[in-house]
Amino acid sequence: MSTVHLEAVITARWLDGHCSRSPGSAEELAILAVDLLVRELGLVAAKGFMEQALEHFGHPHWPLPAGRATEVQAEPGGPAALS
């Protein structure tokens, strides 16, 4: 498994405050994304959204190989999908 290192600063603002985070890994980014989804949509709607989004990983083209998007090889008879 490859390790992805992120360099990002994410600031979210609400009427009653804000938060600023600098996730350094995919896991930290995912935790931040889940936190923001729950705050925005509520727990039930956020869970439904995440379940729907994760359905994409059950398709035959997942998991994608590590590396740049230009290195992804097309499956025989079809284009490489990066959705």
C-alpha atoms as a PDB file:
ATOM      1  CA  MET A   1       0.000   0.000   0.000  1.00  0.00           C
ATOM      2  CA  SER A   2       1.360   3.407  -0.901  1.00  0.00           C
ATOM      3  CA  THR A   3       1.383   6.325   1.490  1.00  0.00           C
ATOM      4  CA  VAL A   4      -0.006   9.633   0.334  1.00  0.00           C
ATOM      5  CA  HIS A   5       1.287  12.808   1.970  1.00  0.00           C
ATOM      6  CA  LEU A   6      -0.982  15.838   1.687  1.00  0.00           C
ATOM      7  CA  GLU A   7      -0.114  19.502   1.811  1.00  0.00           C
ATOM      8  CA  ALA A   8      -3.348  21.403   2.320  1.00  0.00           C
ATOM      9  CA  VAL A   9      -4.981  24.002   4.507  1.00  0.00           C
ATOM     10  CA  ILE A  10      -8.756  23.742   4.765  1.00  0.00           C
ATOM     11  CA  THR A  11     -10.813  26.457   6.410  1.00  0.00           C
ATOM     12  CA  ALA A  12     -14.537  26.045   6.978  1.00  0.00           C
ATOM     13  CA  ARG A  13     -16.743  28.878   8.196  1.00  0.00           C
ATOM     14  CA  TRP A  14     -20.177  28.846   9.810  1.00  0.00           C
ATOM     15  CA  LEU A  15     -22.318  31.664  11.169  1.00  0.00           C
ATOM     16  CA  ASP A  16     -21.256  30.706  14.699  1.00  0.00           C
ATOM     17  CA  GLY A  17     -17.571  29.970  14.097  1.00  0.00           C
ATOM     18  CA  HIS A  18     -14.954  28.369  11.920  1.00  0.00           C
ATOM     19  CA  CYS A  19     -12.295  25.675  11.861  1.00  0.00           C
ATOM     20  CA  SER A  20      -8.988  25.434  10.071  1.00  0.00           C
ATOM     21  CA  ARG A  21      -7.155  22.161   9.564  1.00  0.00           C
ATOM     22  CA  SER A  22      -4.067  20.963   7.729  1.00  0.00           C
ATOM     23  CA  PRO A  23      -4.574  17.263   7.054  1.00  0.00           C
ATOM     24  CA  GLY A  24      -1.335  15.468   6.317  1.00  0.00           C
ATOM     25  CA  SER A  25      -2.694  12.071   5.309  1.00  0.00           C
ATOM     26  CA  ALA A  26      -5.662  10.599   3.489  1.00  0.00           C
ATOM     27  CA  GLU A  27      -7.022   9.364   6.825  1.00  0.00           C
ATOM     28  CA  GLU A  28      -6.918  12.847   8.382  1.00  0.00           C
ATOM     29  CA  LEU A  29      -8.592  14.292   5.286  1.00  0.00           C
ATOM     30  CA  ALA A  30     -11.333  11.639   5.483  1.00  0.00           C
ATOM     31  CA  ILE A  31     -12.003  12.407   9.157  1.00  0.00           C
ATOM     32  CA  LEU A  32     -12.258  16.109   8.331  1.00  0.00           C
ATOM     33  CA  ALA A  33     -14.585  15.397   5.400  1.00  0.00           C
ATOM     34  CA  VAL A  34     -16.854  13.216   7.559  1.00  0.00           C
ATOM     35  CA  ASP A  35     -16.954  15.900  10.245  1.00  0.00           C
ATOM     36  CA  LEU A  36     -17.959  18.550   7.695  1.00  0.00           C
ATOM     37  CA  LEU A  37     -20.583  16.298   6.090  1.00  0.00           C
ATOM     38  CA  VAL A  38     -22.201  15.533   9.441  1.00  0.00           C
ATOM     39  CA  ARG A  39     -22.234  19.222  10.396  1.00  0.00           C
ATOM     40  CA  GLU A  40     -23.741  20.162   7.018  1.00  0.00           C
ATOM     41  CA  LEU A  41     -26.194  17.306   6.385  1.00  0.00           C
ATOM     42  CA  GLY A  42     -26.793  15.707   9.767  1.00  0.00           C
ATOM     43  CA  LEU A  43     -25.751  12.194  10.773  1.00  0.00           C
ATOM     44  CA  VAL A  44     -28.372  10.190   8.867  1.00  0.00           C
ATOM     45  CA  ALA A  45     -28.028  12.091   5.580  1.00  0.00           C
ATOM     46  CA  ALA A  46     -24.212  12.104   5.803  1.00  0.00           C
ATOM     47  CA  LYS A  47     -24.182   8.345   6.379  1.00  0.00           C
ATOM     48  CA  GLY A  48     -26.454   7.818   3.369  1.00  0.00           C
ATOM     49  CA  PHE A  49     -24.241  10.029   1.219  1.00  0.00           C
ATOM     50  CA  MET A  50     -21.096   8.160   2.257  1.00  0.00           C
ATOM     51  CA  GLU A  51     -22.697   4.760   1.602  1.00  0.00           C
ATOM     52  CA  GLN A  52     -23.706   5.927  -1.866  1.00  0.00           C
ATOM     53  CA  ALA A  53     -20.227   7.319  -2.563  1.00  0.00           C
ATOM     54  CA  LEU A  54     -18.529   4.116  -1.364  1.00  0.00           C
ATOM     55  CA  GLU A  55     -20.605   2.005  -3.769  1.00  0.00           C
ATOM     56  CA  HIS A  56     -18.226   3.157  -6.523  1.00  0.00           C
ATOM     57  CA  PHE A  57     -15.426   1.139  -4.925  1.00  0.00           C
ATOM     58  CA  GLY A  58     -17.273  -2.116  -5.578  1.00  0.00           C
ATOM     59  CA  HIS A  59     -16.876  -1.725  -9.338  1.00  0.00           C
ATOM     60  CA  PRO A  60     -14.250  -3.772 -11.187  1.00  0.00           C
ATOM     61  CA  HIS A  61     -11.959  -0.778 -11.880  1.00  0.00           C
ATOM     62  CA  TRP A  62     -11.283  -0.314  -8.143  1.00  0.00           C
ATOM     63  CA  PRO A  63      -8.862  -0.228  -6.500  1.00  0.00           C
ATOM     64  CA  LEU A  64      -6.849   2.027  -8.734  1.00  0.00           C
ATOM     65  CA  PRO A  65      -3.126   1.355  -8.783  1.00  0.00           C
ATOM     66  CA  ALA A  66      -0.944   3.803  -6.880  1.00  0.00           C
ATOM     67  CA  GLY A  67       0.655   6.487  -9.009  1.00  0.00           C
ATOM     68  CA  ARG A  68      -0.306   9.370 -11.198  1.00  0.00           C
ATOM     69  CA  ALA A  69      -3.609   9.326 -13.084  1.00  0.00           C
ATOM     70  CA  THR A  70      -1.686   9.153 -16.379  1.00  0.00           C
ATOM     71  CA  GLU A  71      -0.305   5.775 -15.273  1.00  0.00           C
ATOM     72  CA  VAL A  72      -3.745   4.172 -14.974  1.00  0.00           C
ATOM     73  CA  GLN A  73      -4.076   1.550 -17.666  1.00  0.00           C
ATOM     74  CA  ALA A  74      -7.304   1.105 -19.606  1.00  0.00           C
ATOM     75  CA  GLU A  75      -9.063  -2.219 -19.246  1.00  0.00           C
ATOM     76  CA  PRO A  76      -9.231  -4.217 -22.459  1.00  0.00           C
ATOM     77  CA  GLY A  77     -12.166  -2.992 -24.521  1.00  0.00           C
ATOM     78  CA  GLY A  78     -12.832   0.132 -22.472  1.00  0.00           C
ATOM     79  CA  PRO A  79     -11.390   3.440 -21.318  1.00  0.00           C
ATOM     80  CA  ALA A  80      -9.760   3.954 -17.942  1.00  0.00           C
ATOM     81  CA  ALA A  81     -12.359   5.381 -15.580  1.00  0.00           C
ATOM     82  CA  LEU A  82     -11.394   7.958 -12.965  1.00  0.00           C
ATOM     83  CA  SER A  83     -14.744   8.979 -11.528  1.00  0.00           C
END
